[in-house]
Amino acid sequence: QVQVVESGGGLVQAGGSLRLSCVASGRTFSFYAMGWFRQAPGKEREFVAAISWSAGDTNYRDSVKGRFTISRDNAKNTVYLQMDNLKPEDTAVYYCASSRNGAYYGGSENEYRYWGQGTQVTVSS
């Protein structure tokens, strides 16, 4: 059974930083791309960042480029999202997801098969 578990959310002031972690178990972690998505209150879930199976390629939504960094440690079955210079508009529940295959690291939710329960990130102004 595949499990995806996020951690690291919390409350931070604007301009601050947080690092989210996501551990995936139950399948060979290094075979699959991983992604982060977020959902703000009253809004649809949106793509944030993704990383290929080898960590050689990454993809970000425009509004987080230069502020967020996705990385992974295949030995620890863990993917990270380092979030710097946080803004109030980054407030959302952040979800980690494991892709259906290793080649896709885009922003389509349909290409991600396993999802975590989410972790809340709140940025105060």
PDB file of N, CA and C in Angstrom:
ATOM      1  N   GLN A   1       0.847  -1.178   0.000  1.00  0.00           N
ATOM      2  CA  GLN A   1       0.000   0.000   0.000  1.00  0.00           C
ATOM      3  C   GLN A   1       0.898   1.249   0.000  1.00  0.00           C
ATOM      4  N   VAL A   2       0.620   2.152  -0.920  1.00  0.00           N
ATOM      5  CA  VAL A   2       1.432   3.363  -1.018  1.00  0.00           C
ATOM      6  C   VAL A   2       0.917   4.403  -0.037  1.00  0.00           C
ATOM      7  N   GLN A   3       1.843   4.999   0.680  1.00  0.00           N
ATOM      8  CA  GLN A   3       1.506   6.081   1.598  1.00  0.00           C
ATOM      9  C   GLN A   3       2.355   7.295   1.287  1.00  0.00           C
ATOM     10  N   VAL A   4       1.722   8.456   1.355  1.00  0.00           N
ATOM     11  CA  VAL A   4       2.405   9.724   1.139  1.00  0.00           C
ATOM     12  C   VAL A   4       2.080  10.615   2.327  1.00  0.00           C
ATOM     13  N   VAL A   5       3.099  11.072   3.032  1.00  0.00           N
ATOM     14  CA  VAL A   5       2.873  11.837   4.260  1.00  0.00           C
ATOM     15  C   VAL A   5       3.695  13.115   4.241  1.00  0.00           C
ATOM     16  N   GLU A   6       3.013  14.247   4.348  1.00  0.00           N
ATOM     17  CA  GLU A   6       3.680  15.549   4.376  1.00  0.00           C
ATOM     18  C   GLU A   6       3.882  16.007   5.817  1.00  0.00           C
ATOM     19  N   SER A   7       4.865  16.875   5.997  1.00  0.00           N
ATOM     20  CA  SER A   7       5.097  17.504   7.293  1.00  0.00           C
ATOM     21  C   SER A   7       5.818  18.820   7.063  1.00  0.00           C
ATOM     22  N   GLY A   8       5.857  19.630   8.115  1.00  0.00           N
ATOM     23  CA  GLY A   8       6.638  20.863   8.054  1.00  0.00           C
ATOM     24  C   GLY A   8       5.836  22.134   7.909  1.00  0.00           C
ATOM     25  N   GLY A   9       4.533  22.014   7.785  1.00  0.00           N
ATOM     26  CA  GLY A   9       3.723  23.218   7.673  1.00  0.00           C
ATOM     27  C   GLY A   9       3.678  23.994   8.982  1.00  0.00           C
ATOM     28  N   GLY A  10       3.109  25.189   8.921  1.00  0.00           N
ATOM     29  CA  GLY A  10       3.003  25.992  10.121  1.00  0.00           C
ATOM     30  C   GLY A  10       2.646  27.429   9.811  1.00  0.00           C
ATOM     31  N   LEU A  11       2.799  28.273  10.831  1.00  0.00           N
ATOM     32  CA  LEU A  11       2.503  29.702  10.718  1.00  0.00           C
ATOM     33  C   LEU A  11       3.819  30.469  10.660  1.00  0.00           C
ATOM     34  N   VAL A  12       3.938  31.350   9.698  1.00  0.00           N
ATOM     35  CA  VAL A  12       5.156  32.130   9.530  1.00  0.00           C
ATOM     36  C   VAL A  12       4.790  33.534   9.071  1.00  0.00           C
ATOM     37  N   GLN A  13       5.618  34.493   9.416  1.00  0.00           N
ATOM     38  CA  GLN A  13       5.387  35.864   8.962  1.00  0.00           C
ATOM     39  C   GLN A  13       5.843  36.031   7.527  1.00  0.00           C
ATOM     40  N   ALA A  14       5.269  36.992   6.860  1.00  0.00           N
ATOM     41  CA  ALA A  14       5.683  37.303   5.493  1.00  0.00           C
ATOM     42  C   ALA A  14       7.183  37.578   5.454  1.00  0.00           C
ATOM     43  N   GLY A  15       7.829  37.034   4.451  1.00  0.00           N
ATOM     44  CA  GLY A  15       9.278  37.148   4.332  1.00  0.00           C
ATOM     45  C   GLY A  15      10.033  36.001   4.969  1.00  0.00           C
ATOM     46  N   GLY A  16       9.339  35.174   5.716  1.00  0.00           N
ATOM     47  CA  GLY A  16       9.971  34.054   6.385  1.00  0.00           C
ATOM     48  C   GLY A  16      10.092  32.836   5.497  1.00  0.00           C
ATOM     49  N   SER A  17      10.560  31.738   6.109  1.00  0.00           N
ATOM     50  CA  SER A  17      10.814  30.506   5.366  1.00  0.00           C
ATOM     51  C   SER A  17      10.217  29.301   6.078  1.00  0.00           C
ATOM     52  N   LEU A  18       9.903  28.300   5.296  1.00  0.00           N
ATOM     53  CA  LEU A  18       9.486  26.993   5.800  1.00  0.00           C
ATOM     54  C   LEU A  18      10.039  25.931   4.861  1.00  0.00           C
ATOM     55  N   ARG A  19      10.283  24.751   5.392  1.00  0.00           N
ATOM     56  CA  ARG A  19      10.645  23.615   4.545  1.00  0.00           C
ATOM     57  C   ARG A  19       9.657  22.488   4.778  1.00  0.00           C
ATOM     58  N   LEU A  20       8.971  22.122   3.729  1.00  0.00           N
ATOM     59  CA  LEU A  20       8.058  20.991   3.777  1.00  0.00           C
ATOM     60  C   LEU A  20       8.795  19.722   3.387  1.00  0.00           C
ATOM     61  N   SER A  21       8.403  18.631   4.028  1.00  0.00           N
ATOM     62  CA  SER A  21       8.954  17.317   3.700  1.00  0.00           C
ATOM     63  C   SER A  21       7.822  16.374   3.338  1.00  0.00           C
ATOM     64  N   CYS A  22       8.133  15.406   2.527  1.00  0.00           N
ATOM     65  CA  CYS A  22       7.133  14.416   2.122  1.00  0.00           C
ATOM     66  C   CYS A  22       7.824  13.070   1.978  1.00  0.00           C
ATOM     67  N   VAL A  23       7.334  12.099   2.717  1.00  0.00           N
ATOM     68  CA  VAL A  23       7.867  10.745   2.643  1.00  0.00           C
ATOM     69  C   VAL A  23       6.855   9.854   1.931  1.00  0.00           C
ATOM     70  N   ALA A  24       7.322   9.137   0.926  1.00  0.00           N
ATOM     71  CA  ALA A  24       6.462   8.218   0.191  1.00  0.00           C
ATOM     72  C   ALA A  24       6.973   6.798   0.380  1.00  0.00           C
ATOM     73  N   SER A  25       6.085   5.883   0.709  1.00  0.00           N
ATOM     74  CA  SER A  25       6.459   4.489   0.927  1.00  0.00           C
ATOM     75  C   SER A  25       5.488   3.579   0.194  1.00  0.00           C
ATOM     76  N   GLY A  26       5.928   2.340  -0.003  1.00  0.00           N
ATOM     77  CA  GLY A  26       5.063   1.358  -0.639  1.00  0.00           C
ATOM     78  C   GLY A  26       5.294   1.170  -2.122  1.00  0.00           C
ATOM     79  N   ARG A  27       6.183   1.964  -2.706  1.00  0.00           N
ATOM     80  CA  ARG A  27       6.576   1.766  -4.092  1.00  0.00           C
ATOM     81  C   ARG A  27       8.019   2.249  -4.198  1.00  0.00           C
ATOM     82  N   THR A  28       8.692   1.902  -5.276  1.00  0.00           N
ATOM     83  CA  THR A  28      10.097   2.297  -5.422  1.00  0.00           C
ATOM     84  C   THR A  28      10.155   3.789  -5.695  1.00  0.00           C
ATOM     85  N   PHE A  29      10.472   4.536  -4.670  1.00  0.00           N
ATOM     86  CA  PHE A  29      10.402   5.999  -4.706  1.00  0.00           C
ATOM     87  C   PHE A  29      11.200   6.565  -5.870  1.00  0.00           C
ATOM     88  N   SER A  30      12.374   6.042  -6.098  1.00  0.00           N
ATOM     89  CA  SER A  30      13.270   6.631  -7.092  1.00  0.00           C
ATOM     90  C   SER A  30      12.804   6.448  -8.525  1.00  0.00           C
ATOM     91  N   PHE A  31      11.769   5.654  -8.742  1.00  0.00           N
ATOM     92  CA  PHE A  31      11.265   5.429 -10.102  1.00  0.00           C
ATOM     93  C   PHE A  31      10.326   6.531 -10.574  1.00  0.00           C
ATOM     94  N   TYR A  32       9.836   7.358  -9.655  1.00  0.00           N
ATOM     95  CA  TYR A  32       8.696   8.243  -9.960  1.00  0.00           C
ATOM     96  C   TYR A  32       9.018   9.704  -9.693  1.00  0.00           C
ATOM     97  N   ALA A  33       8.478  10.541 -10.556  1.00  0.00           N
ATOM     98  CA  ALA A  33       8.530  11.971 -10.303  1.00  0.00           C
ATOM     99  C   ALA A  33       7.614  12.309  -9.129  1.00  0.00           C
ATOM    100  N   MET A  34       7.896  13.435  -8.487  1.00  0.00           N
ATOM    101  CA  MET A  34       7.115  13.884  -7.344  1.00  0.00           C
ATOM    102  C   MET A  34       6.704  15.334  -7.539  1.00  0.00           C
ATOM    103  N   GLY A  35       5.548  15.684  -7.005  1.00  0.00           N
ATOM    104  CA  GLY A  35       5.069  17.052  -7.163  1.00  0.00           C
ATOM    105  C   GLY A  35       4.480  17.607  -5.882  1.00  0.00           C
ATOM    106  N   TRP A  36       4.446  18.930  -5.837  1.00  0.00           N
ATOM    107  CA  TRP A  36       3.769  19.654  -4.762  1.00  0.00           C
ATOM    108  C   TRP A  36       2.646  20.487  -5.385  1.00  0.00           C
ATOM    109  N   PHE A  37       1.496  20.452  -4.731  1.00  0.00           N
ATOM    110  CA  PHE A  37       0.347  21.248  -5.127  1.00  0.00           C
ATOM    111  C   PHE A  37      -0.152  21.988  -3.901  1.00  0.00           C
ATOM    112  N   ARG A  38      -1.021  22.973  -4.089  1.00  0.00           N
ATOM    113  CA  ARG A  38      -1.585  23.686  -2.942  1.00  0.00           C
ATOM    114  C   ARG A  38      -3.018  24.103  -3.247  1.00  0.00           C
ATOM    115  N   GLN A  39      -3.772  24.266  -2.171  1.00  0.00           N
ATOM    116  CA  GLN A  39      -5.150  24.709  -2.309  1.00  0.00           C
ATOM    117  C   GLN A  39      -5.465  25.736  -1.235  1.00  0.00           C
ATOM    118  N   ALA A  40      -5.757  26.940  -1.677  1.00  0.00           N
ATOM    119  CA  ALA A  40      -6.135  28.022  -0.778  1.00  0.00           C
ATOM    120  C   ALA A  40      -7.642  27.978  -0.547  1.00  0.00           C
ATOM    121  N   PRO A  41      -8.116  28.556   0.546  1.00  0.00           N
ATOM    122  CA  PRO A  41      -9.552  28.547   0.832  1.00  0.00           C
ATOM    123  C   PRO A  41     -10.360  29.154  -0.307  1.00  0.00           C
ATOM    124  N   GLY A  42     -11.375  28.435  -0.744  1.00  0.00           N
ATOM    125  CA  GLY A  42     -12.246  28.934  -1.794  1.00  0.00           C
ATOM    126  C   GLY A  42     -11.677  28.854  -3.193  1.00  0.00           C
ATOM    127  N   LYS A  43     -10.507  28.258  -3.331  1.00  0.00           N
ATOM    128  CA  LYS A  43      -9.870  28.168  -4.651  1.00  0.00           C
ATOM    129  C   LYS A  43      -9.610  26.720  -5.029  1.00  0.00           C
ATOM    130  N   GLU A  44      -9.379  26.504  -6.317  1.00  0.00           N
ATOM    131  CA  GLU A  44      -9.041  25.168  -6.781  1.00  0.00           C
ATOM    132  C   GLU A  44      -7.579  24.851  -6.449  1.00  0.00           C
ATOM    133  N   ARG A  45      -7.322  23.571  -6.374  1.00  0.00           N
ATOM    134  CA  ARG A  45      -5.950  23.148  -6.133  1.00  0.00           C
ATOM    135  C   ARG A  45      -5.093  23.509  -7.351  1.00  0.00           C
ATOM    136  N   GLU A  46      -3.859  23.936  -7.085  1.00  0.00           N
ATOM    137  CA  GLU A  46      -2.977  24.362  -8.167  1.00  0.00           C
ATOM    138  C   GLU A  46      -1.591  23.764  -8.003  1.00  0.00           C
ATOM    139  N   PHE A  47      -0.932  23.618  -9.124  1.00  0.00           N
ATOM    140  CA  PHE A  47       0.419  23.083  -9.174  1.00  0.00           C
ATOM    141  C   PHE A  47       1.399  24.088  -8.587  1.00  0.00           C
ATOM    142  N   VAL A  48       2.383  23.578  -7.840  1.00  0.00           N
ATOM    143  CA  VAL A  48       3.431  24.432  -7.288  1.00  0.00           C
ATOM    144  C   VAL A  48       4.793  24.087  -7.891  1.00  0.00           C
ATOM    145  N   ALA A  49       5.189  22.825  -7.773  1.00  0.00           N
ATOM    146  CA  ALA A  49       6.515  22.424  -8.251  1.00  0.00           C
ATOM    147  C   ALA A  49       6.556  20.914  -8.441  1.00  0.00           C
ATOM    148  N   ALA A  50       7.471  20.462  -9.272  1.00  0.00           N
ATOM    149  CA  ALA A  50       7.657  19.031  -9.479  1.00  0.00           C
ATOM    150  C   ALA A  50       9.112  18.752  -9.785  1.00  0.00           C
ATOM    151  N   ILE A  51       9.497  17.490  -9.559  1.00  0.00           N
ATOM    152  CA  ILE A  51      10.884  17.086  -9.773  1.00  0.00           C
ATOM    153  C   ILE A  51      10.893  15.702 -10.398  1.00  0.00           C
ATOM    154  N   SER A  52      11.769  15.503 -11.347  1.00  0.00           N
ATOM    155  CA  SER A  52      11.852  14.213 -12.028  1.00  0.00           C
ATOM    156  C   SER A  52      12.425  13.149 -11.115  1.00  0.00           C
ATOM    157  N   TRP A  53      12.347  11.902 -11.551  1.00  0.00           N
ATOM    158  CA  TRP A  53      12.802  10.791 -10.719  1.00  0.00           C
ATOM    159  C   TRP A  53      14.260  10.907 -10.331  1.00  0.00           C
ATOM    160  N   SER A  54      15.070  11.460 -11.224  1.00  0.00           N
ATOM    161  CA  SER A  54      16.514  11.554 -10.967  1.00  0.00           C
ATOM    162  C   SER A  54      16.915  12.859 -10.303  1.00  0.00           C
ATOM    163  N   ALA A  55      15.948  13.757 -10.136  1.00  0.00           N
ATOM    164  CA  ALA A  55      16.207  15.108  -9.612  1.00  0.00           C
ATOM    165  C   ALA A  55      16.956  15.977 -10.608  1.00  0.00           C
ATOM    166  N   GLY A  56      17.089  15.496 -11.839  1.00  0.00           N
ATOM    167  CA  GLY A  56      17.799  16.289 -12.829  1.00  0.00           C
ATOM    168  C   GLY A  56      16.970  17.386 -13.451  1.00  0.00           C
ATOM    169  N   ASP A  57      15.667  17.290 -13.300  1.00  0.00           N
ATOM    170  CA  ASP A  57      14.773  18.291 -13.901  1.00  0.00           C
ATOM    171  C   ASP A  57      13.724  18.733 -12.887  1.00  0.00           C
ATOM    172  N   THR A  58      13.438  20.015 -12.897  1.00  0.00           N
ATOM    173  CA  THR A  58      12.421  20.567 -12.019  1.00  0.00           C
ATOM    174  C   THR A  58      11.495  21.484 -12.811  1.00  0.00           C
ATOM    175  N   ASN A  59      10.350  21.768 -12.209  1.00  0.00           N
ATOM    176  CA  ASN A  59       9.330  22.574 -12.863  1.00  0.00           C
ATOM    177  C   ASN A  59       8.611  23.363 -11.783  1.00  0.00           C
ATOM    178  N   TYR A  60       8.361  24.667 -12.002  1.00  0.00           N
ATOM    179  CA  TYR A  60       7.727  25.516 -11.007  1.00  0.00           C
ATOM    180  C   TYR A  60       6.631  26.363 -11.641  1.00  0.00           C
ATOM    181  N   ARG A  61       5.634  26.699 -10.825  1.00  0.00           N
ATOM    182  CA  ARG A  61       4.692  27.695 -11.303  1.00  0.00           C
ATOM    183  C   ARG A  61       5.391  29.041 -11.245  1.00  0.00           C
ATOM    184  N   ASP A  62       4.972  29.961 -12.094  1.00  0.00           N
ATOM    185  CA  ASP A  62       5.695  31.223 -12.218  1.00  0.00           C
ATOM    186  C   ASP A  62       5.756  32.003 -10.913  1.00  0.00           C
ATOM    187  N   SER A  63       4.691  31.983 -10.135  1.00  0.00           N
ATOM    188  CA  SER A  63       4.631  32.840  -8.944  1.00  0.00           C
ATOM    189  C   SER A  63       5.571  32.402  -7.829  1.00  0.00           C
ATOM    190  N   VAL A  64       6.139  31.214  -7.916  1.00  0.00           N
ATOM    191  CA  VAL A  64       7.057  30.754  -6.866  1.00  0.00           C
ATOM    192  C   VAL A  64       8.496  30.646  -7.357  1.00  0.00           C
ATOM    193  N   LYS A  65       8.709  30.860  -8.636  1.00  0.00           N
ATOM    194  CA  LYS A  65      10.081  30.775  -9.163  1.00  0.00           C
ATOM    195  C   LYS A  65      10.976  31.775  -8.460  1.00  0.00           C
ATOM    196  N   GLY A  66      12.156  31.309  -8.065  1.00  0.00           N
ATOM    197  CA  GLY A  66      13.097  32.161  -7.362  1.00  0.00           C
ATOM    198  C   GLY A  66      12.879  32.220  -5.862  1.00  0.00           C
ATOM    199  N   ARG A  67      11.750  31.697  -5.390  1.00  0.00           N
ATOM    200  CA  ARG A  67      11.459  31.685  -3.948  1.00  0.00           C
ATOM    201  C   ARG A  67      11.364  30.265  -3.387  1.00  0.00           C
ATOM    202  N   PHE A  68      10.853  29.333  -4.178  1.00  0.00           N
ATOM    203  CA  PHE A  68      10.689  27.945  -3.742  1.00  0.00           C
ATOM    204  C   PHE A  68      11.707  27.059  -4.458  1.00  0.00           C
ATOM    205  N   THR A  69      12.158  26.025  -3.748  1.00  0.00           N
ATOM    206  CA  THR A  69      13.070  25.057  -4.339  1.00  0.00           C
ATOM    207  C   THR A  69      12.620  23.648  -3.983  1.00  0.00           C
ATOM    208  N   ILE A  70      12.418  22.832  -4.997  1.00  0.00           N
ATOM    209  CA  ILE A  70      12.061  21.438  -4.772  1.00  0.00           C
ATOM    210  C   ILE A  70      13.320  20.585  -4.906  1.00  0.00           C
ATOM    211  N   SER A  71      13.436  19.585  -4.042  1.00  0.00           N
ATOM    212  CA  SER A  71      14.564  18.676  -4.099  1.00  0.00           C
ATOM    213  C   SER A  71      14.105  17.309  -3.583  1.00  0.00           C
ATOM    214  N   ARG A  72      14.954  16.316  -3.765  1.00  0.00           N
ATOM    215  CA  ARG A  72      14.590  14.985  -3.289  1.00  0.00           C
ATOM    216  C   ARG A  72      15.830  14.228  -2.852  1.00  0.00           C
ATOM    217  N   ASP A  73      15.610  13.303  -1.926  1.00  0.00           N
ATOM    218  CA  ASP A  73      16.654  12.406  -1.458  1.00  0.00           C
ATOM    219  C   ASP A  73      16.098  10.997  -1.640  1.00  0.00           C
ATOM    220  N   ASN A  74      16.512  10.338  -2.710  1.00  0.00           N
ATOM    221  CA  ASN A  74      15.952   9.022  -3.007  1.00  0.00           C
ATOM    222  C   ASN A  74      16.354   7.969  -1.967  1.00  0.00           C
ATOM    223  N   ALA A  75      17.463   8.181  -1.299  1.00  0.00           N
ATOM    224  CA  ALA A  75      17.877   7.238  -0.262  1.00  0.00           C
ATOM    225  C   ALA A  75      16.948   7.300   0.953  1.00  0.00           C
ATOM    226  N   LYS A  76      16.286   8.446   1.122  1.00  0.00           N
ATOM    227  CA  LYS A  76      15.372   8.628   2.257  1.00  0.00           C
ATOM    228  C   LYS A  76      13.904   8.615   1.839  1.00  0.00           C
ATOM    229  N   ASN A  77      13.651   8.341   0.565  1.00  0.00           N
ATOM    230  CA  ASN A  77      12.272   8.337   0.053  1.00  0.00           C
ATOM    231  C   ASN A  77      11.551   9.649   0.363  1.00  0.00           C
ATOM    232  N   THR A  78      12.271  10.742   0.262  1.00  0.00           N
ATOM    233  CA  THR A  78      11.749  12.022   0.707  1.00  0.00           C
ATOM    234  C   THR A  78      11.922  13.094  -0.362  1.00  0.00           C
ATOM    235  N   VAL A  79      10.896  13.911  -0.507  1.00  0.00           N
ATOM    236  CA  VAL A  79      10.966  15.089  -1.357  1.00  0.00           C
ATOM    237  C   VAL A  79      10.725  16.307  -0.467  1.00  0.00           C
ATOM    238  N   TYR A  80      11.415  17.396  -0.790  1.00  0.00           N
ATOM    239  CA  TYR A  80      11.347  18.604   0.021  1.00  0.00           C
ATOM    240  C   TYR A  80      10.842  19.778  -0.820  1.00  0.00           C
ATOM    241  N   LEU A  81      10.258  20.736  -0.120  1.00  0.00           N
ATOM    242  CA  LEU A  81       9.922  22.013  -0.738  1.00  0.00           C
ATOM    243  C   LEU A  81      10.405  23.112   0.191  1.00  0.00           C
ATOM    244  N   GLN A  82      11.518  23.735  -0.179  1.00  0.00           N
ATOM    245  CA  GLN A  82      12.047  24.862   0.577  1.00  0.00           C
ATOM    246  C   GLN A  82      11.350  26.121   0.098  1.00  0.00           C
ATOM    247  N   MET A  83      10.701  26.812   1.016  1.00  0.00           N
ATOM    248  CA  MET A  83       9.920  27.998   0.659  1.00  0.00           C
ATOM    249  C   MET A  83      10.521  29.205   1.372  1.00  0.00           C
ATOM    250  N   ASP A  84      11.055  30.126   0.607  1.00  0.00           N
ATOM    251  CA  ASP A  84      11.664  31.341   1.136  1.00  0.00           C
ATOM    252  C   ASP A  84      10.869  32.559   0.702  1.00  0.00           C
ATOM    253  N   ASN A  85      11.082  33.655   1.416  1.00  0.00           N
ATOM    254  CA  ASN A  85      10.392  34.909   1.105  1.00  0.00           C
ATOM    255  C   ASN A  85       8.891  34.666   0.923  1.00  0.00           C
ATOM    256  N   LEU A  86       8.308  34.012   1.893  1.00  0.00           N
ATOM    257  CA  LEU A  86       6.893  33.660   1.805  1.00  0.00           C
ATOM    258  C   LEU A  86       6.007  34.899   1.824  1.00  0.00           C
ATOM    259  N   LYS A  87       4.899  34.794   1.120  1.00  0.00           N
ATOM    260  CA  LYS A  87       3.945  35.885   1.005  1.00  0.00           C
ATOM    261  C   LYS A  87       2.578  35.421   1.509  1.00  0.00           C
ATOM    262  N   PRO A  88       1.732  36.327   1.946  1.00  0.00           N
ATOM    263  CA  PRO A  88       0.395  35.914   2.409  1.00  0.00           C
ATOM    264  C   PRO A  88      -0.366  35.098   1.363  1.00  0.00           C
ATOM    265  N   GLU A  89      -0.145  35.380   0.097  1.00  0.00           N
ATOM    266  CA  GLU A  89      -0.852  34.638  -0.950  1.00  0.00           C
ATOM    267  C   GLU A  89      -0.346  33.198  -1.107  1.00  0.00           C
ATOM    268  N   ASP A  90       0.707  32.845  -0.390  1.00  0.00           N
ATOM    269  CA  ASP A  90       1.165  31.450  -0.373  1.00  0.00           C
ATOM    270  C   ASP A  90       0.386  30.608   0.637  1.00  0.00           C
ATOM    271  N   THR A  91      -0.453  31.246   1.431  1.00  0.00           N
ATOM    272  CA  THR A  91      -1.248  30.526   2.419  1.00  0.00           C
ATOM    273  C   THR A  91      -2.152  29.508   1.734  1.00  0.00           C
ATOM    274  N   ALA A  92      -2.030  28.256   2.168  1.00  0.00           N
ATOM    275  CA  ALA A  92      -2.790  27.171   1.548  1.00  0.00           C
ATOM    276  C   ALA A  92      -2.484  25.867   2.263  1.00  0.00           C
ATOM    277  N   VAL A  93      -3.257  24.853   1.936  1.00  0.00           N
ATOM    278  CA  VAL A  93      -2.888  23.492   2.296  1.00  0.00           C
ATOM    279  C   VAL A  93      -2.007  22.970   1.169  1.00  0.00           C
ATOM    280  N   TYR A  94      -0.845  22.466   1.532  1.00  0.00           N
ATOM    281  CA  TYR A  94       0.117  21.966   0.545  1.00  0.00           C
ATOM    282  C   TYR A  94       0.067  20.437   0.509  1.00  0.00           C
ATOM    283  N   TYR A  95      -0.050  19.918  -0.707  1.00  0.00           N
ATOM    284  CA  TYR A  95      -0.147  18.485  -0.921  1.00  0.00           C
ATOM    285  C   TYR A  95       1.059  17.966  -1.698  1.00  0.00           C
ATOM    286  N   CYS A  96       1.516  16.815  -1.301  1.00  0.00           N
ATOM    287  CA  CYS A  96       2.577  16.108  -2.019  1.00  0.00           C
ATOM    288  C   CYS A  96       1.933  14.978  -2.815  1.00  0.00           C
ATOM    289  N   ALA A  97       2.469  14.711  -3.994  1.00  0.00           N
ATOM    290  CA  ALA A  97       1.901  13.661  -4.830  1.00  0.00           C
ATOM    291  C   ALA A  97       2.993  12.924  -5.583  1.00  0.00           C
ATOM    292  N   SER A  98       2.742  11.643  -5.808  1.00  0.00           N
ATOM    293  CA  SER A  98       3.670  10.781  -6.543  1.00  0.00           C
ATOM    294  C   SER A  98       3.088  10.510  -7.927  1.00  0.00           C
ATOM    295  N   SER A  99       3.906  10.713  -8.940  1.00  0.00           N
ATOM    296  CA  SER A  99       3.392  10.630 -10.299  1.00  0.00           C
ATOM    297  C   SER A  99       3.110   9.198 -10.734  1.00  0.00           C
ATOM    298  N   ARG A 100       2.404   9.092 -11.841  1.00  0.00           N
ATOM    299  CA  ARG A 100       2.093   7.776 -12.405  1.00  0.00           C
ATOM    300  C   ARG A 100       3.314   7.173 -13.077  1.00  0.00           C
ATOM    301  N   ASN A 101       4.259   8.015 -13.485  1.00  0.00           N
ATOM    302  CA  ASN A 101       5.488   7.480 -14.082  1.00  0.00           C
ATOM    303  C   ASN A 101       6.639   8.429 -13.807  1.00  0.00           C
ATOM    304  N   GLY A 102       7.815   7.974 -14.134  1.00  0.00           N
ATOM    305  CA  GLY A 102       8.990   8.766 -13.804  1.00  0.00           C
ATOM    306  C   GLY A 102       9.263   9.900 -14.758  1.00  0.00           C
ATOM    307  N   ALA A 103       8.662   9.829 -15.952  1.00  0.00           N
ATOM    308  CA  ALA A 103       9.005  10.803 -16.979  1.00  0.00           C
ATOM    309  C   ALA A 103       8.248  12.114 -16.837  1.00  0.00           C
ATOM    310  N   TYR A 104       7.078  12.069 -16.204  1.00  0.00           N
ATOM    311  CA  TYR A 104       6.238  13.262 -16.149  1.00  0.00           C
ATOM    312  C   TYR A 104       6.512  14.053 -14.888  1.00  0.00           C
ATOM    313  N   TYR A 105       6.831  15.308 -15.036  1.00  0.00           N
ATOM    314  CA  TYR A 105       7.000  16.187 -13.881  1.00  0.00           C
ATOM    315  C   TYR A 105       6.348  17.536 -14.164  1.00  0.00           C
ATOM    316  N   GLY A 106       5.169  17.437 -14.764  1.00  0.00           N
ATOM    317  CA  GLY A 106       4.420  18.630 -15.089  1.00  0.00           C
ATOM    318  C   GLY A 106       3.380  18.965 -14.042  1.00  0.00           C
ATOM    319  N   GLY A 107       2.422  19.787 -14.432  1.00  0.00           N
ATOM    320  CA  GLY A 107       1.463  20.324 -13.486  1.00  0.00           C
ATOM    321  C   GLY A 107       0.069  19.747 -13.543  1.00  0.00           C
ATOM    322  N   SER A 108      -0.155  18.702 -14.299  1.00  0.00           N
ATOM    323  CA  SER A 108      -1.498  18.124 -14.401  1.00  0.00           C
ATOM    324  C   SER A 108      -1.764  17.165 -13.258  1.00  0.00           C
ATOM    325  N   GLU A 109      -2.798  17.442 -12.485  1.00  0.00           N
ATOM    326  CA  GLU A 109      -3.119  16.583 -11.349  1.00  0.00           C
ATOM    327  C   GLU A 109      -3.417  15.153 -11.791  1.00  0.00           C
ATOM    328  N   ASN A 110      -3.983  14.994 -12.946  1.00  0.00           N
ATOM    329  CA  ASN A 110      -4.359  13.655 -13.411  1.00  0.00           C
ATOM    330  C   ASN A 110      -3.157  12.741 -13.599  1.00  0.00           C
ATOM    331  N   GLU A 111      -1.968  13.329 -13.713  1.00  0.00           N
ATOM    332  CA  GLU A 111      -0.754  12.525 -13.910  1.00  0.00           C
ATOM    333  C   GLU A 111      -0.122  12.087 -12.591  1.00  0.00           C
ATOM    334  N   TYR A 112      -0.757  12.423 -11.490  1.00  0.00           N
ATOM    335  CA  TYR A 112      -0.242  12.030 -10.173  1.00  0.00           C
ATOM    336  C   TYR A 112      -1.215  11.036  -9.548  1.00  0.00           C
ATOM    337  N   ARG A 113      -0.674   9.936  -9.094  1.00  0.00           N
ATOM    338  CA  ARG A 113      -1.531   8.824  -8.673  1.00  0.00           C
ATOM    339  C   ARG A 113      -1.792   8.794  -7.178  1.00  0.00           C
ATOM    340  N   TYR A 114      -0.763   9.080  -6.382  1.00  0.00           N
ATOM    341  CA  TYR A 114      -0.901   8.961  -4.929  1.00  0.00           C
ATOM    342  C   TYR A 114      -0.688  10.319  -4.289  1.00  0.00           C
ATOM    343  N   TRP A 115      -1.564  10.642  -3.332  1.00  0.00           N
ATOM    344  CA  TRP A 115      -1.569  11.948  -2.705  1.00  0.00           C
ATOM    345  C   TRP A 115      -1.511  11.840  -1.193  1.00  0.00           C
ATOM    346  N   GLY A 116      -0.869  12.828  -0.581  1.00  0.00           N
ATOM    347  CA  GLY A 116      -0.886  12.928   0.863  1.00  0.00           C
ATOM    348  C   GLY A 116      -2.124  13.658   1.351  1.00  0.00           C
ATOM    349  N   GLN A 117      -2.234  13.783   2.664  1.00  0.00           N
ATOM    350  CA  GLN A 117      -3.389  14.442   3.276  1.00  0.00           C
ATOM    351  C   GLN A 117      -3.238  15.957   3.337  1.00  0.00           C
ATOM    352  N   GLY A 118      -2.052  16.433   3.144  1.00  0.00           N
ATOM    353  CA  GLY A 118      -1.832  17.873   3.124  1.00  0.00           C
ATOM    354  C   GLY A 118      -1.294  18.408   4.435  1.00  0.00           C
ATOM    355  N   THR A 119      -0.602  19.534   4.340  1.00  0.00           N
ATOM    356  CA  THR A 119      -0.090  20.225   5.517  1.00  0.00           C
ATOM    357  C   THR A 119      -0.377  21.716   5.343  1.00  0.00           C
ATOM    358  N   GLN A 120      -0.851  22.354   6.396  1.00  0.00           N
ATOM    359  CA  GLN A 120      -1.278  23.755   6.321  1.00  0.00           C
ATOM    360  C   GLN A 120      -0.079  24.696   6.421  1.00  0.00           C
ATOM    361  N   VAL A 121      -0.040  25.637   5.509  1.00  0.00           N
ATOM    362  CA  VAL A 121       0.941  26.721   5.562  1.00  0.00           C
ATOM    363  C   VAL A 121       0.170  28.031   5.644  1.00  0.00           C
ATOM    364  N   THR A 122       0.456  28.803   6.675  1.00  0.00           N
ATOM    365  CA  THR A 122      -0.208  30.083   6.855  1.00  0.00           C
ATOM    366  C   THR A 122       0.845  31.174   6.962  1.00  0.00           C
ATOM    367  N   VAL A 123       0.728  32.179   6.099  1.00  0.00           N
ATOM    368  CA  VAL A 123       1.673  33.287   6.085  1.00  0.00           C
ATOM    369  C   VAL A 123       0.940  34.555   6.499  1.00  0.00           C
ATOM    370  N   SER A 124       1.377  35.126   7.603  1.00  0.00           N
ATOM    371  CA  SER A 124       0.730  36.340   8.102  1.00  0.00           C
ATOM    372  C   SER A 124       1.434  37.580   7.557  1.00  0.00           C
ATOM    373  N   SER A 125       0.663  38.618   7.376  1.00  0.00           N
ATOM    374  CA  SER A 125       1.222  39.865   6.817  1.00  0.00           C
ATOM    375  C   SER A 125       1.722  40.780   7.916  1.00  0.00           C
TER     376      SER A 125
END
